[in-house]
Structures are given as C-alpha cells and as structure tokens.
C-alpha cells in the first residue's frame, strides 16, 4: 500500500523537525510527505525546505492565509491546498499535525490494519500529552474516535465522504459519514503518539461559538446538542463552554446557517448518536 501524508503547519519551527524525523524513521515508508506552510512568520518553511533537499519524499508547499486559528477551517483549508498539489498515487491518505512524534511502527501498523480489513475506511492511534513528566492520554474524546491530529483514510472512503469539511467538527463528521457510507472506523490503543502541544491552545476568541455551530451543521437537533455540549464541557472542565456551545447552536439556527449534511445523512447521524447513548446507559 502507498501512503501519502499531508501536514498543515503554522509557526512550528520548534517542533516540525521532530514530526518529520519520526516519520522518516518509520519501518514502513510513506510515498509522499507534503508539508503545507500556512503563512508562518517563523523559520518553519526554511526547516521544511531543508528536509525536502535531503529527502525526496518530503515536499514543501507554501500557502498564505490569515494568522487567526479558527478551529476546523484554517487547518482543513491548508490540508485541501496540499491535497490539490499531490501528484502521487496513494492507497491511504493521512492528515497529521505538525507537532507529533510517532512510534516507528505507526505507518506499518496502520498499513497492516487496512490490508487485513477491506471494510476499514479510517484508522488511527491515540494522542498523549506530557503532564508533570509523564505522557498521559489526551482524554478529550471517546476511545472509538480518531483525533483530528492523526487521521488516516482509505482512498475510497475519503472519496465517498467527499473529503473534509472546512468547519469545526470536521473530525467527527468524517467518521459519521464514513459509517453512513458503510465503512468501519477503527482505533488502536497500542499506537501512542506524543502530542507536543495541547489541542486548542491557539484557538482565537472568535472560535467560542464554533462547536455549537458544528452541532447545528451536523443536524444534531437541540436535545442531542444539549447532551453533547454538556459532555464536552465536562471533559474540558469548563462550565462556560457549555453556555458557549448552546449559544453557538442557537445562533446558527437563528441565522439559518447552511447544514454540513443533507437530511438523510442527518437522520443517520442522529440515530447513530442516540444508539451510542443507549449503549452507555444500558
């Protein structure tokens, strides 16, 4: 299987070399590693260029955009920009963050998983963050969910879901749509990836309503949004976020913002979500 990797990067001069070193040291090599420098103001593009000079599989792609980090839109736009520059055929497509250290068997393990299960559409490991000298699970989501930092898609699955949406919640919606189209989503707890920067630490204040807008866009409805908002705010230990999420949902509804899915997909998503809730309760 051929693996193509796209890494959006913005001001990652201190960390991008660690990510690239870990990917270049893999026991199974990627066919292509495109790093999209999204208008960095530090030495990020120069560092990527130095790797590209020594390693033909590494390619620097430069994109200019605003500095504000709005969750979902900026990173997915950079990913899609890199995807448009990809001229290498692939079987598996990875979207990785630029602040990760992968175990050396990461790509080999995901390649084997896709090879062994033709129904597997998405697969990934887990992010770990350093706390008080120990690497601990970045426990912001359920263990059946692949973090947006380390997504890997089978090409046919990626095409079936129509690629990635430029909105917050894209890294949940992709899994829901994959299941809608009959693909399986798998995670591997043995694949422990070091995440060097906590998720969301660079989000701007403009982003506080985006999660609620995402729940609206995925056609959750108010009750599911209420439950999902409470759960996420509890995980992040921030009651204020609960209010922000609900406000975002209600604002989106009032403004009649466009949905991210059609009615049939929305009905499937709601049914899937309610089934998950019932499983946990009973």
C-alpha atoms as a PDB file:
ATOM      1  CA  UNK A   1       0.000   0.000   0.000  1.00  0.00           C
ATOM      2  CA  UNK A   2       1.151   3.510  -0.813  1.00  0.00           C
ATOM      3  CA  UNK A   3       0.763   6.131   1.906  1.00  0.00           C
ATOM      4  CA  UNK A   4       0.557   9.866   1.279  1.00  0.00           C
ATOM      5  CA  UNK A   5       0.780  12.272   4.215  1.00  0.00           C
ATOM      6  CA  UNK A   6      -0.293  15.921   4.308  1.00  0.00           C
ATOM      7  CA  UNK A   7       0.767  18.073   7.271  1.00  0.00           C
ATOM      8  CA  UNK A   8      -0.641  21.601   7.698  1.00  0.00           C
ATOM      9  CA  UNK A   9       1.881  23.741   9.607  1.00  0.00           C
ATOM     10  CA  UNK A  10       1.837  27.242  11.047  1.00  0.00           C
ATOM     11  CA  UNK A  11       4.745  28.587  13.138  1.00  0.00           C
ATOM     12  CA  UNK A  12       6.016  25.118  14.065  1.00  0.00           C
ATOM     13  CA  UNK A  13       9.760  25.872  13.832  1.00  0.00           C
ATOM     14  CA  UNK A  14      10.400  24.386  17.269  1.00  0.00           C
ATOM     15  CA  UNK A  15       8.582  21.124  16.604  1.00  0.00           C
ATOM     16  CA  UNK A  16       8.235  20.278  12.901  1.00  0.00           C
ATOM     17  CA  UNK A  17      11.660  18.603  12.807  1.00  0.00           C
ATOM     18  CA  UNK A  18      10.543  16.143  15.479  1.00  0.00           C
ATOM     19  CA  UNK A  19       7.479  15.189  13.459  1.00  0.00           C
ATOM     20  CA  UNK A  20       9.439  14.774  10.242  1.00  0.00           C
ATOM     21  CA  UNK A  21      12.229  12.818  11.943  1.00  0.00           C
ATOM     22  CA  UNK A  22       9.705  10.371  13.392  1.00  0.00           C
ATOM     23  CA  UNK A  23       8.000   9.906  10.006  1.00  0.00           C
ATOM     24  CA  UNK A  24      11.256   9.442   8.125  1.00  0.00           C
ATOM     25  CA  UNK A  25      12.327   6.807  10.672  1.00  0.00           C
ATOM     26  CA  UNK A  26       9.241   4.636  10.102  1.00  0.00           C
ATOM     27  CA  UNK A  27       9.634   0.912   9.466  1.00  0.00           C
ATOM     28  CA  UNK A  28       7.222   1.354   6.534  1.00  0.00           C
ATOM     29  CA  UNK A  29       7.954   4.455   4.497  1.00  0.00           C
ATOM     30  CA  UNK A  30       5.435   6.971   3.189  1.00  0.00           C
ATOM     31  CA  UNK A  31       5.399   7.508  -0.552  1.00  0.00           C
ATOM     32  CA  UNK A  32       4.967  11.253  -0.093  1.00  0.00           C
ATOM     33  CA  UNK A  33       5.015  13.744   2.814  1.00  0.00           C
ATOM     34  CA  UNK A  34       3.648  17.155   1.865  1.00  0.00           C
ATOM     35  CA  UNK A  35       4.031  19.869   4.497  1.00  0.00           C
ATOM     36  CA  UNK A  36       1.834  22.901   3.858  1.00  0.00           C
ATOM     37  CA  UNK A  37       3.320  26.005   5.420  1.00  0.00           C
ATOM     38  CA  UNK A  38       0.266  28.157   6.073  1.00  0.00           C
ATOM     39  CA  UNK A  39       1.853  31.607   6.155  1.00  0.00           C
ATOM     40  CA  UNK A  40       4.278  31.053   9.035  1.00  0.00           C
ATOM     41  CA  UNK A  41       6.170  34.051  10.407  1.00  0.00           C
ATOM     42  CA  UNK A  42       8.993  31.974  11.883  1.00  0.00           C
ATOM     43  CA  UNK A  43      11.550  29.595  10.326  1.00  0.00           C
ATOM     44  CA  UNK A  44       9.061  26.808   9.611  1.00  0.00           C
ATOM     45  CA  UNK A  45       9.291  26.946   5.768  1.00  0.00           C
ATOM     46  CA  UNK A  46      13.095  27.047   5.822  1.00  0.00           C
ATOM     47  CA  UNK A  47      13.225  23.981   8.061  1.00  0.00           C
ATOM     48  CA  UNK A  48      10.814  22.070   5.819  1.00  0.00           C
ATOM     49  CA  UNK A  49      12.806  23.102   2.751  1.00  0.00           C
ATOM     50  CA  UNK A  50      15.995  21.748   4.326  1.00  0.00           C
ATOM     51  CA  UNK A  51      14.309  18.363   4.798  1.00  0.00           C
ATOM     52  CA  UNK A  52      12.976  18.416   1.241  1.00  0.00           C
ATOM     53  CA  UNK A  53      16.509  18.916  -0.081  1.00  0.00           C
ATOM     54  CA  UNK A  54      17.714  15.748   1.661  1.00  0.00           C
ATOM     55  CA  UNK A  55      14.607  13.566   1.400  1.00  0.00           C
ATOM     56  CA  UNK A  56      12.813  13.341  -1.979  1.00  0.00           C
ATOM     57  CA  UNK A  57       9.581  12.141  -0.366  1.00  0.00           C
ATOM     58  CA  UNK A  58       9.274  15.422   1.571  1.00  0.00           C
ATOM     59  CA  UNK A  59       7.779  18.414  -0.232  1.00  0.00           C
ATOM     60  CA  UNK A  60       7.207  21.982   0.944  1.00  0.00           C
ATOM     61  CA  UNK A  61       4.019  23.682  -0.246  1.00  0.00           C
ATOM     62  CA  UNK A  62       3.503  27.307   0.742  1.00  0.00           C
ATOM     63  CA  UNK A  63       0.105  28.901   1.315  1.00  0.00           C
ATOM     64  CA  UNK A  64      -0.711  32.367   2.594  1.00  0.00           C
ATOM     65  CA  UNK A  65      -3.705  32.922   4.868  1.00  0.00           C
ATOM     66  CA  UNK A  66      -4.686  34.944   7.903  1.00  0.00           C
ATOM     67  CA  UNK A  67      -2.946  34.134  11.168  1.00  0.00           C
ATOM     68  CA  UNK A  68      -6.108  33.624  13.258  1.00  0.00           C
ATOM     69  CA  UNK A  69      -6.531  29.980  14.190  1.00  0.00           C
ATOM     70  CA  UNK A  70     -10.205  29.197  13.746  1.00  0.00           C
ATOM     71  CA  UNK A  71     -10.743  25.519  14.533  1.00  0.00           C
ATOM     72  CA  UNK A  72     -11.556  23.422  11.517  1.00  0.00           C
ATOM     73  CA  UNK A  73     -11.480  25.954   8.718  1.00  0.00           C
ATOM     74  CA  UNK A  74      -7.813  27.025   8.694  1.00  0.00           C
ATOM     75  CA  UNK A  75      -6.270  23.590   9.101  1.00  0.00           C
ATOM     76  CA  UNK A  76      -8.626  21.896   6.635  1.00  0.00           C
ATOM     77  CA  UNK A  77      -8.110  24.633   4.066  1.00  0.00           C
ATOM     78  CA  UNK A  78      -4.359  24.082   4.354  1.00  0.00           C
ATOM     79  CA  UNK A  79      -4.845  20.309   4.076  1.00  0.00           C
ATOM     80  CA  UNK A  80      -7.033  20.677   0.987  1.00  0.00           C
ATOM     81  CA  UNK A  81      -4.490  23.033  -0.552  1.00  0.00           C
ATOM     82  CA  UNK A  82      -1.808  20.405  -0.065  1.00  0.00           C
ATOM     83  CA  UNK A  83      -4.085  17.702  -1.436  1.00  0.00           C
ATOM     84  CA  UNK A  84      -4.500  19.707  -4.639  1.00  0.00           C
ATOM     85  CA  UNK A  85      -0.700  19.693  -5.026  1.00  0.00           C
ATOM     86  CA  UNK A  86      -0.431  15.930  -4.500  1.00  0.00           C
ATOM     87  CA  UNK A  87       0.516  14.249  -7.766  1.00  0.00           C
ATOM     88  CA  UNK A  88       1.478  10.873  -6.287  1.00  0.00           C
ATOM     89  CA  UNK A  89      -0.966   7.969  -6.369  1.00  0.00           C
ATOM     90  CA  UNK A  90      -1.900   6.603  -2.949  1.00  0.00           C
ATOM     91  CA  UNK A  91      -3.985   3.953  -1.228  1.00  0.00           C
ATOM     92  CA  UNK A  92      -4.014   5.610   2.200  1.00  0.00           C
ATOM     93  CA  UNK A  93      -4.197   9.342   2.874  1.00  0.00           C
ATOM     94  CA  UNK A  94      -3.070  10.762   6.223  1.00  0.00           C
ATOM     95  CA  UNK A  95      -3.750  14.177   7.698  1.00  0.00           C
ATOM     96  CA  UNK A  96      -1.237  14.710  10.506  1.00  0.00           C
ATOM     97  CA  UNK A  97      -0.487  17.687  12.727  1.00  0.00           C
ATOM     98  CA  UNK A  98       2.969  19.267  12.758  1.00  0.00           C
ATOM     99  CA  UNK A  99       3.590  18.743  16.476  1.00  0.00           C
ATOM    100  CA  UNK A 100       3.537  14.948  16.781  1.00  0.00           C
ATOM    101  CA  UNK A 101       6.129  12.267  17.460  1.00  0.00           C
ATOM    102  CA  UNK A 102       5.106   8.905  16.000  1.00  0.00           C
ATOM    103  CA  UNK A 103       6.312   5.498  17.184  1.00  0.00           C
ATOM    104  CA  UNK A 104       8.468   3.925  14.473  1.00  0.00           C
ATOM    105  CA  UNK A 105       5.892   1.230  13.660  1.00  0.00           C
ATOM    106  CA  UNK A 106       2.975   3.634  13.222  1.00  0.00           C
ATOM    107  CA  UNK A 107       2.682   3.569   9.435  1.00  0.00           C
ATOM    108  CA  UNK A 108       3.392  -0.145   9.226  1.00  0.00           C
ATOM    109  CA  UNK A 109       0.674  -0.884  11.760  1.00  0.00           C
ATOM    110  CA  UNK A 110      -1.980   1.177  10.022  1.00  0.00           C
ATOM    111  CA  UNK A 111      -0.964  -0.272   6.639  1.00  0.00           C
ATOM    112  CA  UNK A 112      -1.415  -3.798   8.029  1.00  0.00           C
ATOM    113  CA  UNK A 113      -4.807  -2.925   9.540  1.00  0.00           C
ATOM    114  CA  UNK A 114      -6.142  -1.636   6.212  1.00  0.00           C
ATOM    115  CA  UNK A 115      -4.681  -4.623   4.361  1.00  0.00           C
ATOM    116  CA  UNK A 116      -6.345  -7.120   6.696  1.00  0.00           C
ATOM    117  CA  UNK A 117      -9.787  -5.476   6.706  1.00  0.00           C
ATOM    118  CA  UNK A 118     -11.164  -4.313   3.327  1.00  0.00           C
ATOM    119  CA  UNK A 119     -14.114  -2.642   5.089  1.00  0.00           C
ATOM    120  CA  UNK A 120     -11.857  -0.422   7.192  1.00  0.00           C
ATOM    121  CA  UNK A 121     -12.221   3.147   5.987  1.00  0.00           C
ATOM    122  CA  UNK A 122     -10.472   5.118   8.747  1.00  0.00           C
ATOM    123  CA  UNK A 123      -7.883   4.182  11.348  1.00  0.00           C
ATOM    124  CA  UNK A 124      -5.570   5.765  13.907  1.00  0.00           C
ATOM    125  CA  UNK A 125      -3.864   5.686  17.270  1.00  0.00           C
ATOM    126  CA  UNK A 126      -4.145   7.977  20.286  1.00  0.00           C
ATOM    127  CA  UNK A 127      -2.582  11.277  21.300  1.00  0.00           C
ATOM    128  CA  UNK A 128      -0.620  11.531  24.535  1.00  0.00           C
ATOM    129  CA  UNK A 129       0.381  14.806  26.209  1.00  0.00           C
ATOM    130  CA  UNK A 130       3.102  15.416  28.766  1.00  0.00           C
ATOM    131  CA  UNK A 131       1.941  16.265  32.279  1.00  0.00           C
ATOM    132  CA  UNK A 132       4.397  16.536  35.148  1.00  0.00           C
ATOM    133  CA  UNK A 133       6.984  14.499  33.264  1.00  0.00           C
ATOM    134  CA  UNK A 134       4.573  11.694  32.330  1.00  0.00           C
ATOM    135  CA  UNK A 135       2.915  11.030  28.984  1.00  0.00           C
ATOM    136  CA  UNK A 136      -0.847  10.714  29.551  1.00  0.00           C
ATOM    137  CA  UNK A 137      -3.769  10.071  27.217  1.00  0.00           C
ATOM    138  CA  UNK A 138      -5.214  13.321  25.862  1.00  0.00           C
ATOM    139  CA  UNK A 139      -8.651  12.297  27.017  1.00  0.00           C
ATOM    140  CA  UNK A 140     -10.964  14.738  25.226  1.00  0.00           C
ATOM    141  CA  UNK A 141     -13.000  12.196  23.259  1.00  0.00           C
ATOM    142  CA  UNK A 142     -14.211   8.605  23.336  1.00  0.00           C
ATOM    143  CA  UNK A 143     -11.741   5.838  22.554  1.00  0.00           C
ATOM    144  CA  UNK A 144     -13.605   4.896  19.376  1.00  0.00           C
ATOM    145  CA  UNK A 145     -12.812   8.318  17.918  1.00  0.00           C
ATOM    146  CA  UNK A 146      -9.704   9.199  15.909  1.00  0.00           C
ATOM    147  CA  UNK A 147      -8.290  12.569  16.870  1.00  0.00           C
ATOM    148  CA  UNK A 148      -8.088  15.161  14.117  1.00  0.00           C
ATOM    149  CA  UNK A 149      -4.338  15.338  14.671  1.00  0.00           C
ATOM    150  CA  UNK A 150      -3.716  11.875  13.201  1.00  0.00           C
ATOM    151  CA  UNK A 151      -6.357  10.852  10.699  1.00  0.00           C
ATOM    152  CA  UNK A 152      -5.768   8.153   8.089  1.00  0.00           C
ATOM    153  CA  UNK A 153      -8.264   7.332   5.330  1.00  0.00           C
ATOM    154  CA  UNK A 154      -8.574   4.613   2.739  1.00  0.00           C
ATOM    155  CA  UNK A 155      -8.757   6.423  -0.587  1.00  0.00           C
ATOM    156  CA  UNK A 156     -12.176   5.007  -1.486  1.00  0.00           C
ATOM    157  CA  UNK A 157     -13.586   6.054   1.887  1.00  0.00           C
ATOM    158  CA  UNK A 158     -12.128   9.548   1.620  1.00  0.00           C
ATOM    159  CA  UNK A 159     -13.726   9.965  -1.786  1.00  0.00           C
ATOM    160  CA  UNK A 160     -17.062   8.571  -0.563  1.00  0.00           C
ATOM    161  CA  UNK A 161     -17.344  11.153   2.231  1.00  0.00           C
ATOM    162  CA  UNK A 162     -16.479  13.954  -0.172  1.00  0.00           C
ATOM    163  CA  UNK A 163     -13.240  14.913   1.541  1.00  0.00           C
ATOM    164  CA  UNK A 164     -13.011  17.104   4.629  1.00  0.00           C
ATOM    165  CA  UNK A 165     -15.411  19.924   5.514  1.00  0.00           C
ATOM    166  CA  UNK A 166     -13.912  23.333   6.267  1.00  0.00           C
ATOM    167  CA  UNK A 167     -15.743  23.688   9.572  1.00  0.00           C
ATOM    168  CA  UNK A 168     -15.239  22.839  13.202  1.00  0.00           C
ATOM    169  CA  UNK A 169     -16.439  19.306  13.814  1.00  0.00           C
ATOM    170  CA  UNK A 170     -14.895  18.021  10.565  1.00  0.00           C
ATOM    171  CA  UNK A 171     -13.004  15.352  12.524  1.00  0.00           C
ATOM    172  CA  UNK A 172     -16.259  13.953  13.902  1.00  0.00           C
ATOM    173  CA  UNK A 173     -18.295  14.407  10.767  1.00  0.00           C
ATOM    174  CA  UNK A 174     -15.801  12.446   8.657  1.00  0.00           C
ATOM    175  CA  UNK A 175     -16.280   9.378  10.872  1.00  0.00           C
ATOM    176  CA  UNK A 176     -20.060   9.698  10.880  1.00  0.00           C
ATOM    177  CA  UNK A 177     -20.182   9.992   7.092  1.00  0.00           C
ATOM    178  CA  UNK A 178     -17.764   7.089   6.715  1.00  0.00           C
ATOM    179  CA  UNK A 179     -20.188   4.907   8.661  1.00  0.00           C
ATOM    180  CA  UNK A 180     -23.102   6.289   6.640  1.00  0.00           C
ATOM    181  CA  UNK A 181     -21.356   5.003   3.520  1.00  0.00           C
ATOM    182  CA  UNK A 182     -20.755   1.573   5.060  1.00  0.00           C
ATOM    183  CA  UNK A 183     -17.130   1.952   6.156  1.00  0.00           C
ATOM    184  CA  UNK A 184     -15.707   0.913   9.511  1.00  0.00           C
ATOM    185  CA  UNK A 185     -13.739   3.260  11.770  1.00  0.00           C
ATOM    186  CA  UNK A 186     -11.001   1.703  13.919  1.00  0.00           C
ATOM    187  CA  UNK A 187      -8.604   2.833  16.639  1.00  0.00           C
ATOM    188  CA  UNK A 188      -5.536   1.151  18.117  1.00  0.00           C
ATOM    189  CA  UNK A 189      -4.664   1.900  21.771  1.00  0.00           C
ATOM    190  CA  UNK A 190      -1.169   0.459  21.253  1.00  0.00           C
ATOM    191  CA  UNK A 191      -0.315   3.277  18.849  1.00  0.00           C
ATOM    192  CA  UNK A 192       0.663   6.025  21.267  1.00  0.00           C
ATOM    193  CA  UNK A 193       1.610   9.299  19.597  1.00  0.00           C
ATOM    194  CA  UNK A 194       3.210  12.139  21.540  1.00  0.00           C
ATOM    195  CA  UNK A 195       1.255  15.353  21.040  1.00  0.00           C
ATOM    196  CA  UNK A 196       3.627  18.178  21.879  1.00  0.00           C
ATOM    197  CA  UNK A 197       1.065  20.987  22.120  1.00  0.00           C
ATOM    198  CA  UNK A 198      -2.341  20.678  23.840  1.00  0.00           C
ATOM    199  CA  UNK A 199      -5.325  20.751  21.494  1.00  0.00           C
ATOM    200  CA  UNK A 200      -6.934  24.162  21.090  1.00  0.00           C
ATOM    201  CA  UNK A 201      -4.311  26.229  22.870  1.00  0.00           C
ATOM    202  CA  UNK A 202      -4.009  28.580  19.883  1.00  0.00           C
ATOM    203  CA  UNK A 203      -7.734  28.987  19.149  1.00  0.00           C
ATOM    204  CA  UNK A 204      -8.857  32.606  18.889  1.00  0.00           C
ATOM    205  CA  UNK A 205     -11.749  34.139  20.839  1.00  0.00           C
ATOM    206  CA  UNK A 206     -13.754  34.111  17.596  1.00  0.00           C
ATOM    207  CA  UNK A 207     -13.946  30.330  17.891  1.00  0.00           C
ATOM    208  CA  UNK A 208     -16.039  30.058  21.049  1.00  0.00           C
ATOM    209  CA  UNK A 209     -19.341  29.520  19.233  1.00  0.00           C
ATOM    210  CA  UNK A 210     -17.943  27.271  16.516  1.00  0.00           C
ATOM    211  CA  UNK A 211     -18.595  23.961  18.301  1.00  0.00           C
ATOM    212  CA  UNK A 212     -22.283  24.775  18.689  1.00  0.00           C
ATOM    213  CA  UNK A 213     -22.427  25.764  15.035  1.00  0.00           C
ATOM    214  CA  UNK A 214     -20.902  22.381  14.191  1.00  0.00           C
ATOM    215  CA  UNK A 215     -23.598  20.536  16.158  1.00  0.00           C
ATOM    216  CA  UNK A 216     -26.203  22.511  14.214  1.00  0.00           C
ATOM    217  CA  UNK A 217     -24.435  21.845  10.920  1.00  0.00           C
ATOM    218  CA  UNK A 218     -24.442  18.097  11.592  1.00  0.00           C
ATOM    219  CA  UNK A 219     -28.221  18.278  12.235  1.00  0.00           C
ATOM    220  CA  UNK A 220     -27.940  17.040  15.831  1.00  0.00           C
ATOM    221  CA  UNK A 221     -31.077  18.851  16.950  1.00  0.00           C
ATOM    222  CA  UNK A 222     -31.355  20.680  20.289  1.00  0.00           C
ATOM    223  CA  UNK A 223     -31.533  17.708  22.674  1.00  0.00           C
ATOM    224  CA  UNK A 224     -28.503  15.936  21.221  1.00  0.00           C
ATOM    225  CA  UNK A 225     -26.648  19.254  21.175  1.00  0.00           C
ATOM    226  CA  UNK A 226     -27.532  19.750  24.845  1.00  0.00           C
ATOM    227  CA  UNK A 227     -26.094  16.340  25.764  1.00  0.00           C
ATOM    228  CA  UNK A 228     -23.017  16.674  23.551  1.00  0.00           C
ATOM    229  CA  UNK A 229     -22.301  20.189  24.861  1.00  0.00           C
ATOM    230  CA  UNK A 230     -22.544  19.103  28.478  1.00  0.00           C
ATOM    231  CA  UNK A 231     -20.287  16.108  27.866  1.00  0.00           C
ATOM    232  CA  UNK A 232     -17.625  18.114  26.030  1.00  0.00           C
ATOM    233  CA  UNK A 233     -17.641  20.960  28.562  1.00  0.00           C
ATOM    234  CA  UNK A 234     -17.289  18.410  31.351  1.00  0.00           C
ATOM    235  CA  UNK A 235     -14.317  16.750  29.648  1.00  0.00           C
ATOM    236  CA  UNK A 236     -12.664  20.146  29.235  1.00  0.00           C
ATOM    237  CA  UNK A 237     -13.582  21.088  32.823  1.00  0.00           C
ATOM    238  CA  UNK A 238     -15.128  24.379  31.740  1.00  0.00           C
ATOM    239  CA  UNK A 239     -18.819  25.106  32.532  1.00  0.00           C
ATOM    240  CA  UNK A 240     -18.529  28.311  30.496  1.00  0.00           C
ATOM    241  CA  UNK A 241     -18.016  26.242  27.340  1.00  0.00           C
ATOM    242  CA  UNK A 242     -21.426  24.609  27.836  1.00  0.00           C
ATOM    243  CA  UNK A 243     -23.079  28.027  27.527  1.00  0.00           C
ATOM    244  CA  UNK A 244     -20.911  28.933  24.521  1.00  0.00           C
ATOM    245  CA  UNK A 245     -21.770  25.692  22.709  1.00  0.00           C
ATOM    246  CA  UNK A 246     -25.513  26.148  23.212  1.00  0.00           C
ATOM    247  CA  UNK A 247     -25.274  29.797  22.195  1.00  0.00           C
ATOM    248  CA  UNK A 248     -23.424  28.787  19.048  1.00  0.00           C
ATOM    249  CA  UNK A 249     -26.124  26.272  18.174  1.00  0.00           C
ATOM    250  CA  UNK A 250     -28.960  28.747  18.744  1.00  0.00           C
ATOM    251  CA  UNK A 251     -27.168  31.497  16.816  1.00  0.00           C
ATOM    252  CA  UNK A 252     -26.642  29.160  13.877  1.00  0.00           C
ATOM    253  CA  UNK A 253     -30.300  28.145  13.945  1.00  0.00           C
ATOM    254  CA  UNK A 254     -31.456  31.757  14.125  1.00  0.00           C
ATOM    255  CA  UNK A 255     -29.207  32.739  11.201  1.00  0.00           C
ATOM    256  CA  UNK A 256     -30.245  29.652   9.210  1.00  0.00           C
ATOM    257  CA  UNK A 257     -26.625  28.772   8.549  1.00  0.00           C
ATOM    258  CA  UNK A 258     -26.107  26.074   5.893  1.00  0.00           C
ATOM    259  CA  UNK A 259     -26.042  22.470   7.075  1.00  0.00           C
ATOM    260  CA  UNK A 260     -22.956  20.318   6.614  1.00  0.00           C
ATOM    261  CA  UNK A 261     -25.012  17.228   5.706  1.00  0.00           C
ATOM    262  CA  UNK A 262     -28.248  16.514   3.879  1.00  0.00           C
ATOM    263  CA  UNK A 263     -31.452  15.369   5.605  1.00  0.00           C
ATOM    264  CA  UNK A 264     -30.823  11.667   5.048  1.00  0.00           C
ATOM    265  CA  UNK A 265     -27.276  11.896   6.387  1.00  0.00           C
ATOM    266  CA  UNK A 266     -28.530  13.930   9.337  1.00  0.00           C
ATOM    267  CA  UNK A 267     -31.144  11.306  10.209  1.00  0.00           C
ATOM    268  CA  UNK A 268     -28.449   8.607  10.121  1.00  0.00           C
ATOM    269  CA  UNK A 269     -26.160  10.684  12.333  1.00  0.00           C
ATOM    270  CA  UNK A 270     -28.881  11.294  14.928  1.00  0.00           C
ATOM    271  CA  UNK A 271     -29.793   7.614  15.009  1.00  0.00           C
ATOM    272  CA  UNK A 272     -26.138   6.637  15.393  1.00  0.00           C
ATOM    273  CA  UNK A 273     -25.640   9.136  18.219  1.00  0.00           C
ATOM    274  CA  UNK A 274     -28.747   8.024  20.109  1.00  0.00           C
ATOM    275  CA  UNK A 275     -27.734   4.373  19.776  1.00  0.00           C
ATOM    276  CA  UNK A 276     -24.341   5.220  21.329  1.00  0.00           C
ATOM    277  CA  UNK A 277     -26.063   6.973  24.231  1.00  0.00           C
ATOM    278  CA  UNK A 278     -28.357   3.977  24.816  1.00  0.00           C
ATOM    279  CA  UNK A 279     -25.414   1.584  24.775  1.00  0.00           C
ATOM    280  CA  UNK A 280     -23.674   3.577  27.511  1.00  0.00           C
ATOM    281  CA  UNK A 281     -26.794   3.910  29.629  1.00  0.00           C
ATOM    282  CA  UNK A 282     -27.948   0.314  29.328  1.00  0.00           C
END
